[in-house]
Amino acid sequence: MAQCDCGATAGPLGVCADYYNTILAEEQLDPEMYRWHAVVVCVYLLQHPSRGHERHLDGQFRWLQFYLDRGIDAVLRLREHQVARNNHRSRAGYDMAPLEPYAPLPAGGPPARFRTSFCELPHGDGGFVLDGHAAYGERMRTLAEATEEAWKRLGPGS
């Protein structure tokens, strides 16, 4: 049985990349599901850092902590703030101030294994939201918690 970069065993759809790409495709057709886009991206890249850019991992880890601390509505407001800021020429650039209170990405990663991964997400009639958006959101929260937990076990930030 195939194993994913994050240590998970492949699920019925394949390895985590297959799940991730399917989620991204489904999000494009479902605005309610898209609410968790930032969480999905942060979790995937923190569980599979070789698929992203190392320089962004600290910010993604802080975004994840922000989400776990403040919830999806706060993430959506912060995303709107960042988009508005980037659309205004005199304030171009990413505003890290809202994320500064959160712990930096611990050194020594990535973790070898996570309590849960994309490969364990249920998928059926209705895609990833087969049992509703609230249940999908809870699964995203569980993935986020597992990701934060594994990274924090590595120790203090660099």
N, C-alpha and C. Protein backbone atom coordinates (compact mmCIF):
# COMPACT_ATOMS: atom_id res chain seq x y z
N MET A 1 0.85 -1.18 0.00
CA MET A 1 0.00 0.00 0.00
C MET A 1 0.89 1.25 0.00
N ALA A 2 0.57 2.22 -0.83
CA ALA A 2 1.38 3.44 -0.97
C ALA A 2 1.32 4.28 0.29
N GLN A 3 2.42 4.96 0.54
CA GLN A 3 2.48 5.85 1.69
C GLN A 3 2.75 7.27 1.22
N CYS A 4 2.13 8.21 1.88
CA CYS A 4 2.24 9.62 1.54
C CYS A 4 3.47 10.25 2.21
N ASP A 5 3.88 11.40 1.73
CA ASP A 5 5.01 12.14 2.31
C ASP A 5 4.84 12.39 3.81
N CYS A 6 3.60 12.59 4.26
CA CYS A 6 3.34 12.91 5.66
C CYS A 6 3.32 11.68 6.55
N GLY A 7 3.52 10.51 5.97
CA GLY A 7 3.53 9.28 6.74
C GLY A 7 2.21 8.53 6.70
N ALA A 8 1.18 9.11 6.12
CA ALA A 8 -0.12 8.46 6.05
C ALA A 8 -0.15 7.40 4.96
N THR A 9 -0.95 6.39 5.16
CA THR A 9 -1.18 5.37 4.15
C THR A 9 -2.23 5.90 3.18
N ALA A 10 -2.03 5.67 1.92
CA ALA A 10 -2.96 6.16 0.90
C ALA A 10 -4.37 5.66 1.17
N GLY A 11 -5.33 6.53 0.88
CA GLY A 11 -6.74 6.18 1.04
C GLY A 11 -7.34 5.78 -0.30
N PRO A 12 -8.65 5.64 -0.34
CA PRO A 12 -9.32 5.21 -1.58
C PRO A 12 -9.08 6.13 -2.77
N LEU A 13 -8.86 7.43 -2.53
CA LEU A 13 -8.61 8.37 -3.63
C LEU A 13 -7.13 8.46 -4.00
N GLY A 14 -6.26 7.85 -3.18
CA GLY A 14 -4.82 7.92 -3.42
C GLY A 14 -4.10 8.54 -2.24
N VAL A 15 -3.01 9.23 -2.54
CA VAL A 15 -2.22 9.90 -1.49
C VAL A 15 -2.82 11.28 -1.23
N CYS A 16 -2.30 11.97 -0.23
CA CYS A 16 -2.85 13.26 0.17
C CYS A 16 -2.94 14.26 -0.98
N ALA A 17 -1.98 14.25 -1.89
CA ALA A 17 -2.01 15.19 -3.02
C ALA A 17 -3.27 14.98 -3.85
N ASP A 18 -3.71 13.74 -3.99
CA ASP A 18 -4.93 13.46 -4.74
C ASP A 18 -6.15 14.04 -4.02
N TYR A 19 -6.19 13.89 -2.70
CA TYR A 19 -7.28 14.45 -1.91
C TYR A 19 -7.26 15.98 -1.99
N TYR A 20 -6.08 16.54 -1.82
CA TYR A 20 -5.91 18.00 -1.86
C TYR A 20 -6.40 18.57 -3.19
N ASN A 21 -5.96 17.99 -4.27
CA ASN A 21 -6.36 18.48 -5.60
C ASN A 21 -7.86 18.33 -5.83
N THR A 22 -8.44 17.25 -5.33
CA THR A 22 -9.88 17.06 -5.47
C THR A 22 -10.64 18.09 -4.64
N ILE A 23 -10.16 18.37 -3.44
CA ILE A 23 -10.78 19.41 -2.60
C ILE A 23 -10.72 20.75 -3.32
N LEU A 24 -9.56 21.11 -3.85
CA LEU A 24 -9.42 22.40 -4.55
C LEU A 24 -10.40 22.49 -5.71
N ALA A 25 -10.58 21.40 -6.43
CA ALA A 25 -11.53 21.40 -7.56
C ALA A 25 -12.96 21.55 -7.06
N GLU A 26 -13.32 20.84 -6.00
CA GLU A 26 -14.68 20.92 -5.47
C GLU A 26 -14.98 22.31 -4.90
N GLU A 27 -13.97 22.93 -4.30
CA GLU A 27 -14.15 24.29 -3.75
C GLU A 27 -14.58 25.28 -4.82
N GLN A 28 -14.09 25.10 -6.01
CA GLN A 28 -14.40 26.04 -7.09
C GLN A 28 -15.88 26.04 -7.44
N LEU A 29 -16.56 24.96 -7.14
CA LEU A 29 -17.98 24.83 -7.45
C LEU A 29 -18.87 25.05 -6.23
N ASP A 30 -18.27 25.21 -5.06
CA ASP A 30 -19.04 25.28 -3.82
C ASP A 30 -18.51 26.41 -2.92
N PRO A 31 -19.13 27.59 -3.00
CA PRO A 31 -18.65 28.74 -2.21
C PRO A 31 -18.65 28.48 -0.70
N GLU A 32 -19.57 27.67 -0.22
CA GLU A 32 -19.60 27.37 1.22
C GLU A 32 -18.39 26.53 1.62
N MET A 33 -18.03 25.58 0.79
CA MET A 33 -16.84 24.76 1.03
C MET A 33 -15.57 25.60 0.95
N TYR A 34 -15.58 26.58 0.04
CA TYR A 34 -14.41 27.45 -0.17
C TYR A 34 -14.04 28.26 1.08
N ARG A 35 -14.98 28.41 2.00
CA ARG A 35 -14.70 29.14 3.25
C ARG A 35 -13.44 28.60 3.93
N TRP A 36 -13.19 27.31 3.80
CA TRP A 36 -12.05 26.67 4.48
C TRP A 36 -10.81 26.59 3.60
N HIS A 37 -10.79 27.29 2.48
CA HIS A 37 -9.67 27.20 1.54
C HIS A 37 -8.32 27.50 2.22
N ALA A 38 -8.23 28.59 2.96
CA ALA A 38 -6.96 28.95 3.60
C ALA A 38 -6.52 27.87 4.57
N VAL A 39 -7.45 27.28 5.29
CA VAL A 39 -7.14 26.21 6.23
C VAL A 39 -6.62 24.99 5.48
N VAL A 40 -7.31 24.62 4.40
CA VAL A 40 -6.92 23.47 3.59
C VAL A 40 -5.48 23.65 3.08
N VAL A 41 -5.18 24.82 2.54
CA VAL A 41 -3.85 25.08 1.99
C VAL A 41 -2.79 25.03 3.09
N CYS A 42 -3.05 25.68 4.21
CA CYS A 42 -2.06 25.68 5.31
C CYS A 42 -1.82 24.27 5.84
N VAL A 43 -2.88 23.51 6.06
CA VAL A 43 -2.72 22.15 6.57
C VAL A 43 -1.93 21.30 5.57
N TYR A 44 -2.33 21.36 4.32
CA TYR A 44 -1.64 20.53 3.32
C TYR A 44 -0.15 20.86 3.26
N LEU A 45 0.17 22.15 3.17
CA LEU A 45 1.58 22.53 3.02
C LEU A 45 2.38 22.30 4.30
N LEU A 46 1.76 22.39 5.45
CA LEU A 46 2.47 22.09 6.69
C LEU A 46 2.66 20.59 6.88
N GLN A 47 1.75 19.79 6.34
CA GLN A 47 1.93 18.34 6.41
C GLN A 47 2.82 17.83 5.27
N HIS A 48 2.98 18.63 4.23
CA HIS A 48 3.78 18.26 3.05
C HIS A 48 4.65 19.45 2.64
N PRO A 49 5.56 19.90 3.50
CA PRO A 49 6.31 21.13 3.23
C PRO A 49 7.16 21.08 1.96
N SER A 50 7.50 19.92 1.48
CA SER A 50 8.28 19.85 0.24
C SER A 50 7.46 20.29 -0.96
N ARG A 51 6.14 20.39 -0.82
CA ARG A 51 5.24 20.81 -1.91
C ARG A 51 5.06 22.33 -1.96
N GLY A 52 5.58 23.03 -0.96
CA GLY A 52 5.42 24.48 -0.90
C GLY A 52 6.75 25.19 -0.90
N HIS A 53 6.76 26.36 -0.29
CA HIS A 53 7.97 27.16 -0.19
C HIS A 53 8.31 27.34 1.29
N GLU A 54 9.52 26.96 1.65
CA GLU A 54 9.95 27.00 3.04
C GLU A 54 9.76 28.38 3.67
N ARG A 55 9.96 29.43 2.88
CA ARG A 55 9.87 30.78 3.44
C ARG A 55 8.45 31.14 3.88
N HIS A 56 7.44 30.40 3.41
CA HIS A 56 6.05 30.69 3.77
C HIS A 56 5.53 29.84 4.92
N LEU A 57 6.27 28.81 5.32
CA LEU A 57 5.76 27.88 6.32
C LEU A 57 5.47 28.54 7.67
N ASP A 58 6.31 29.47 8.09
CA ASP A 58 6.07 30.14 9.37
C ASP A 58 4.74 30.89 9.33
N GLY A 59 4.49 31.63 8.27
CA GLY A 59 3.22 32.36 8.14
C GLY A 59 2.03 31.41 8.08
N GLN A 60 2.20 30.29 7.40
CA GLN A 60 1.11 29.31 7.31
C GLN A 60 0.83 28.68 8.66
N PHE A 61 1.88 28.45 9.44
CA PHE A 61 1.71 27.90 10.79
C PHE A 61 0.98 28.92 11.67
N ARG A 62 1.31 30.18 11.53
CA ARG A 62 0.63 31.22 12.32
C ARG A 62 -0.84 31.36 11.88
N TRP A 63 -1.10 31.28 10.56
CA TRP A 63 -2.48 31.31 10.06
C TRP A 63 -3.29 30.18 10.70
N LEU A 64 -2.69 29.00 10.75
CA LEU A 64 -3.37 27.84 11.31
C LEU A 64 -3.71 28.07 12.78
N GLN A 65 -2.78 28.61 13.53
CA GLN A 65 -3.03 28.90 14.94
C GLN A 65 -4.11 29.97 15.09
N PHE A 66 -4.06 30.98 14.22
CA PHE A 66 -5.08 32.03 14.23
C PHE A 66 -6.45 31.40 14.03
N TYR A 67 -6.57 30.51 13.05
CA TYR A 67 -7.83 29.82 12.78
C TYR A 67 -8.30 29.03 14.01
N LEU A 68 -7.41 28.25 14.61
CA LEU A 68 -7.79 27.43 15.76
C LEU A 68 -8.18 28.29 16.95
N ASP A 69 -7.56 29.44 17.08
CA ASP A 69 -7.85 30.36 18.18
C ASP A 69 -9.13 31.17 17.95
N ARG A 70 -9.33 31.64 16.73
CA ARG A 70 -10.40 32.62 16.47
C ARG A 70 -11.55 32.11 15.60
N GLY A 71 -11.36 31.00 14.88
CA GLY A 71 -12.44 30.43 14.08
C GLY A 71 -12.44 30.86 12.63
N ILE A 72 -13.30 30.20 11.87
CA ILE A 72 -13.34 30.41 10.42
C ILE A 72 -13.80 31.82 10.06
N ASP A 73 -14.73 32.40 10.79
CA ASP A 73 -15.19 33.75 10.45
C ASP A 73 -14.07 34.78 10.60
N ALA A 74 -13.23 34.61 11.61
CA ALA A 74 -12.09 35.52 11.78
C ALA A 74 -11.09 35.35 10.64
N VAL A 75 -10.89 34.11 10.19
CA VAL A 75 -9.99 33.85 9.05
C VAL A 75 -10.52 34.56 7.81
N LEU A 76 -11.83 34.47 7.60
CA LEU A 76 -12.42 35.12 6.42
C LEU A 76 -12.27 36.64 6.49
N ARG A 77 -12.44 37.21 7.67
CA ARG A 77 -12.25 38.67 7.83
C ARG A 77 -10.79 39.05 7.58
N LEU A 78 -9.87 38.26 8.10
CA LEU A 78 -8.45 38.56 7.88
C LEU A 78 -8.09 38.41 6.41
N ARG A 79 -8.63 37.41 5.77
CA ARG A 79 -8.37 37.24 4.33
C ARG A 79 -8.89 38.45 3.55
N GLU A 80 -10.10 38.93 3.88
CA GLU A 80 -10.65 40.12 3.23
C GLU A 80 -9.76 41.34 3.47
N HIS A 81 -9.26 41.46 4.69
CA HIS A 81 -8.35 42.57 5.03
C HIS A 81 -7.09 42.50 4.16
N GLN A 82 -6.52 41.29 4.00
CA GLN A 82 -5.30 41.15 3.22
C GLN A 82 -5.55 41.47 1.75
N VAL A 83 -6.67 41.02 1.22
CA VAL A 83 -7.01 41.29 -0.18
C VAL A 83 -7.20 42.79 -0.39
N ALA A 84 -7.94 43.44 0.51
CA ALA A 84 -8.16 44.88 0.40
C ALA A 84 -6.84 45.64 0.49
N ARG A 85 -5.98 45.20 1.38
CA ARG A 85 -4.68 45.84 1.54
C ARG A 85 -3.84 45.70 0.27
N ASN A 86 -3.86 44.53 -0.32
CA ASN A 86 -3.09 44.29 -1.54
C ASN A 86 -3.66 45.04 -2.74
N ASN A 87 -4.95 45.36 -2.70
CA ASN A 87 -5.58 46.09 -3.80
C ASN A 87 -5.37 47.60 -3.69
N HIS A 88 -4.89 48.03 -2.54
CA HIS A 88 -4.64 49.47 -2.33
C HIS A 88 -3.15 49.70 -2.50
N ARG A 89 -2.77 50.43 -3.51
CA ARG A 89 -1.35 50.57 -3.89
C ARG A 89 -0.46 51.15 -2.78
N SER A 90 -0.98 52.04 -1.98
CA SER A 90 -0.12 52.66 -0.96
C SER A 90 0.13 51.73 0.22
N ARG A 91 -0.65 50.66 0.33
CA ARG A 91 -0.45 49.72 1.45
C ARG A 91 -0.15 48.32 0.94
N ALA A 92 0.41 48.21 -0.22
CA ALA A 92 0.69 46.88 -0.78
C ALA A 92 1.60 46.09 0.14
N GLY A 93 1.38 44.83 0.19
CA GLY A 93 2.19 43.94 1.02
C GLY A 93 1.32 43.24 2.05
N TYR A 94 1.86 42.20 2.58
CA TYR A 94 1.15 41.35 3.52
C TYR A 94 1.26 41.94 4.92
N ASP A 95 0.17 42.03 5.62
CA ASP A 95 0.13 42.55 6.99
C ASP A 95 0.26 41.40 7.98
N MET A 96 1.44 41.24 8.55
CA MET A 96 1.69 40.15 9.49
C MET A 96 1.26 40.48 10.92
N ALA A 97 0.91 41.73 11.21
CA ALA A 97 0.56 42.13 12.57
C ALA A 97 -0.49 41.23 13.23
N PRO A 98 -1.57 40.86 12.55
CA PRO A 98 -2.56 40.00 13.22
C PRO A 98 -2.04 38.61 13.58
N LEU A 99 -0.95 38.19 12.94
CA LEU A 99 -0.41 36.85 13.20
C LEU A 99 0.78 36.85 14.15
N GLU A 100 1.30 38.02 14.48
CA GLU A 100 2.49 38.11 15.34
C GLU A 100 2.32 37.48 16.72
N PRO A 101 1.13 37.50 17.33
CA PRO A 101 1.01 36.89 18.66
C PRO A 101 1.17 35.36 18.68
N TYR A 102 1.13 34.74 17.53
CA TYR A 102 1.16 33.28 17.48
C TYR A 102 2.58 32.74 17.38
N ALA A 103 2.76 31.53 17.89
CA ALA A 103 4.09 30.91 17.95
C ALA A 103 4.67 30.72 16.55
N PRO A 104 5.99 30.94 16.43
CA PRO A 104 6.64 30.68 15.14
C PRO A 104 6.71 29.17 14.88
N LEU A 105 6.97 28.83 13.65
CA LEU A 105 7.11 27.43 13.26
C LEU A 105 8.30 26.82 14.00
N PRO A 106 8.09 25.72 14.72
CA PRO A 106 9.21 25.09 15.42
C PRO A 106 10.26 24.56 14.44
N ALA A 107 11.49 24.60 14.87
CA ALA A 107 12.59 24.07 14.06
C ALA A 107 12.58 22.54 14.12
N GLY A 108 13.28 21.92 13.19
CA GLY A 108 13.45 20.47 13.22
C GLY A 108 12.39 19.69 12.49
N GLY A 109 11.55 20.37 11.74
CA GLY A 109 10.46 19.68 11.05
C GLY A 109 10.86 19.22 9.68
N PRO A 110 9.98 18.63 8.98
CA PRO A 110 8.59 18.41 9.35
C PRO A 110 8.43 17.20 10.26
N PRO A 111 7.31 17.16 10.97
CA PRO A 111 7.03 15.97 11.77
C PRO A 111 6.94 14.74 10.86
N ALA A 112 7.29 13.59 11.39
CA ALA A 112 7.27 12.35 10.59
C ALA A 112 5.84 11.84 10.37
N ARG A 113 4.94 12.17 11.28
CA ARG A 113 3.59 11.64 11.20
C ARG A 113 2.62 12.62 11.88
N PHE A 114 1.38 12.57 11.43
CA PHE A 114 0.31 13.40 11.98
C PHE A 114 -0.82 12.50 12.43
N ARG A 115 -1.50 12.89 13.47
CA ARG A 115 -2.61 12.10 14.02
C ARG A 115 -3.68 11.82 12.97
N THR A 116 -3.89 12.75 12.06
CA THR A 116 -4.84 12.56 10.96
C THR A 116 -4.32 13.29 9.73
N SER A 117 -4.75 12.80 8.57
CA SER A 117 -4.25 13.37 7.32
C SER A 117 -5.38 13.46 6.30
N PHE A 118 -5.10 14.05 5.16
CA PHE A 118 -6.07 14.15 4.08
C PHE A 118 -6.53 12.77 3.61
N CYS A 119 -5.64 11.79 3.64
CA CYS A 119 -5.97 10.44 3.18
C CYS A 119 -7.09 9.80 3.98
N GLU A 120 -7.39 10.36 5.13
CA GLU A 120 -8.44 9.79 5.99
C GLU A 120 -9.78 10.52 5.85
N LEU A 121 -9.84 11.52 4.99
CA LEU A 121 -11.09 12.25 4.81
C LEU A 121 -12.11 11.39 4.07
N PRO A 122 -13.34 11.39 4.56
CA PRO A 122 -14.38 10.65 3.82
C PRO A 122 -14.77 11.39 2.55
N HIS A 123 -15.07 10.63 1.53
CA HIS A 123 -15.48 11.18 0.24
C HIS A 123 -16.52 10.24 -0.34
N GLY A 124 -17.62 10.78 -0.80
CA GLY A 124 -18.68 9.94 -1.36
C GLY A 124 -19.63 10.77 -2.19
N ASP A 125 -20.87 10.33 -2.29
CA ASP A 125 -21.87 11.12 -3.00
C ASP A 125 -21.94 12.48 -2.35
N GLY A 126 -21.72 13.53 -3.10
CA GLY A 126 -21.65 14.88 -2.55
C GLY A 126 -20.22 15.31 -2.31
N GLY A 127 -19.24 14.48 -2.67
CA GLY A 127 -17.84 14.83 -2.52
C GLY A 127 -17.40 14.85 -1.07
N PHE A 128 -16.64 15.86 -0.71
CA PHE A 128 -16.13 15.97 0.66
C PHE A 128 -17.17 16.54 1.62
N VAL A 129 -18.24 17.09 1.09
CA VAL A 129 -19.31 17.63 1.94
C VAL A 129 -20.52 16.70 1.94
N LEU A 130 -20.25 15.41 1.81
CA LEU A 130 -21.30 14.42 1.72
C LEU A 130 -22.28 14.47 2.88
N ASP A 131 -21.84 14.89 4.05
CA ASP A 131 -22.73 14.98 5.21
C ASP A 131 -22.92 16.42 5.68
N GLY A 132 -22.66 17.36 4.80
CA GLY A 132 -22.91 18.76 5.09
C GLY A 132 -21.66 19.57 5.32
N HIS A 133 -21.82 20.88 5.19
CA HIS A 133 -20.69 21.80 5.33
C HIS A 133 -20.18 21.89 6.76
N ALA A 134 -21.09 21.80 7.73
CA ALA A 134 -20.65 21.86 9.14
C ALA A 134 -19.74 20.68 9.47
N ALA A 135 -20.11 19.49 9.00
CA ALA A 135 -19.28 18.30 9.25
C ALA A 135 -17.94 18.43 8.54
N TYR A 136 -17.96 18.97 7.32
CA TYR A 136 -16.71 19.21 6.58
C TYR A 136 -15.82 20.18 7.37
N GLY A 137 -16.43 21.24 7.88
CA GLY A 137 -15.68 22.21 8.68
C GLY A 137 -15.07 21.58 9.92
N GLU A 138 -15.79 20.69 10.55
CA GLU A 138 -15.24 19.99 11.73
C GLU A 138 -14.06 19.11 11.34
N ARG A 139 -14.15 18.46 10.18
CA ARG A 139 -13.02 17.65 9.72
C ARG A 139 -11.80 18.52 9.43
N MET A 140 -12.03 19.71 8.87
CA MET A 140 -10.91 20.63 8.61
C MET A 140 -10.30 21.08 9.93
N ARG A 141 -11.14 21.31 10.93
CA ARG A 141 -10.63 21.70 12.25
C ARG A 141 -9.79 20.57 12.86
N THR A 142 -10.25 19.33 12.73
CA THR A 142 -9.51 18.18 13.24
C THR A 142 -8.15 18.07 12.54
N LEU A 143 -8.13 18.25 11.23
CA LEU A 143 -6.86 18.24 10.49
C LEU A 143 -5.93 19.36 10.97
N ALA A 144 -6.50 20.55 11.18
CA ALA A 144 -5.71 21.69 11.64
C ALA A 144 -5.13 21.41 13.03
N GLU A 145 -5.95 20.87 13.92
CA GLU A 145 -5.47 20.56 15.27
C GLU A 145 -4.35 19.52 15.24
N ALA A 146 -4.52 18.49 14.42
CA ALA A 146 -3.49 17.45 14.30
C ALA A 146 -2.18 18.01 13.75
N THR A 147 -2.30 18.94 12.83
CA THR A 147 -1.11 19.55 12.21
C THR A 147 -0.39 20.43 13.22
N GLU A 148 -1.14 21.28 13.91
CA GLU A 148 -0.54 22.15 14.93
C GLU A 148 0.12 21.31 16.02
N GLU A 149 -0.58 20.30 16.49
CA GLU A 149 -0.08 19.44 17.55
C GLU A 149 1.25 18.78 17.16
N ALA A 150 1.33 18.23 15.97
CA ALA A 150 2.55 17.55 15.53
C ALA A 150 3.73 18.51 15.44
N TRP A 151 3.50 19.70 14.89
CA TRP A 151 4.58 20.68 14.80
C TRP A 151 5.00 21.16 16.17
N LYS A 152 4.05 21.40 17.07
CA LYS A 152 4.41 21.90 18.40
C LYS A 152 5.15 20.88 19.23
N ARG A 153 4.96 19.59 18.94
CA ARG A 153 5.72 18.55 19.64
C ARG A 153 7.21 18.62 19.33
N LEU A 154 7.56 19.28 18.21
CA LEU A 154 8.98 19.40 17.84
C LEU A 154 9.74 20.34 18.76
N GLY A 155 9.04 21.24 19.44
CA GLY A 155 9.69 22.15 20.35
C GLY A 155 9.54 23.58 19.96
N PRO A 156 10.29 24.48 20.64
CA PRO A 156 10.17 25.92 20.39
C PRO A 156 10.60 26.31 18.97
N GLY A 157 10.12 27.47 18.56
CA GLY A 157 10.44 27.99 17.22
C GLY A 157 11.91 28.28 17.04
N SER A 158 12.26 28.49 15.78
CA SER A 158 13.67 28.78 15.47
C SER A 158 14.00 30.22 15.71
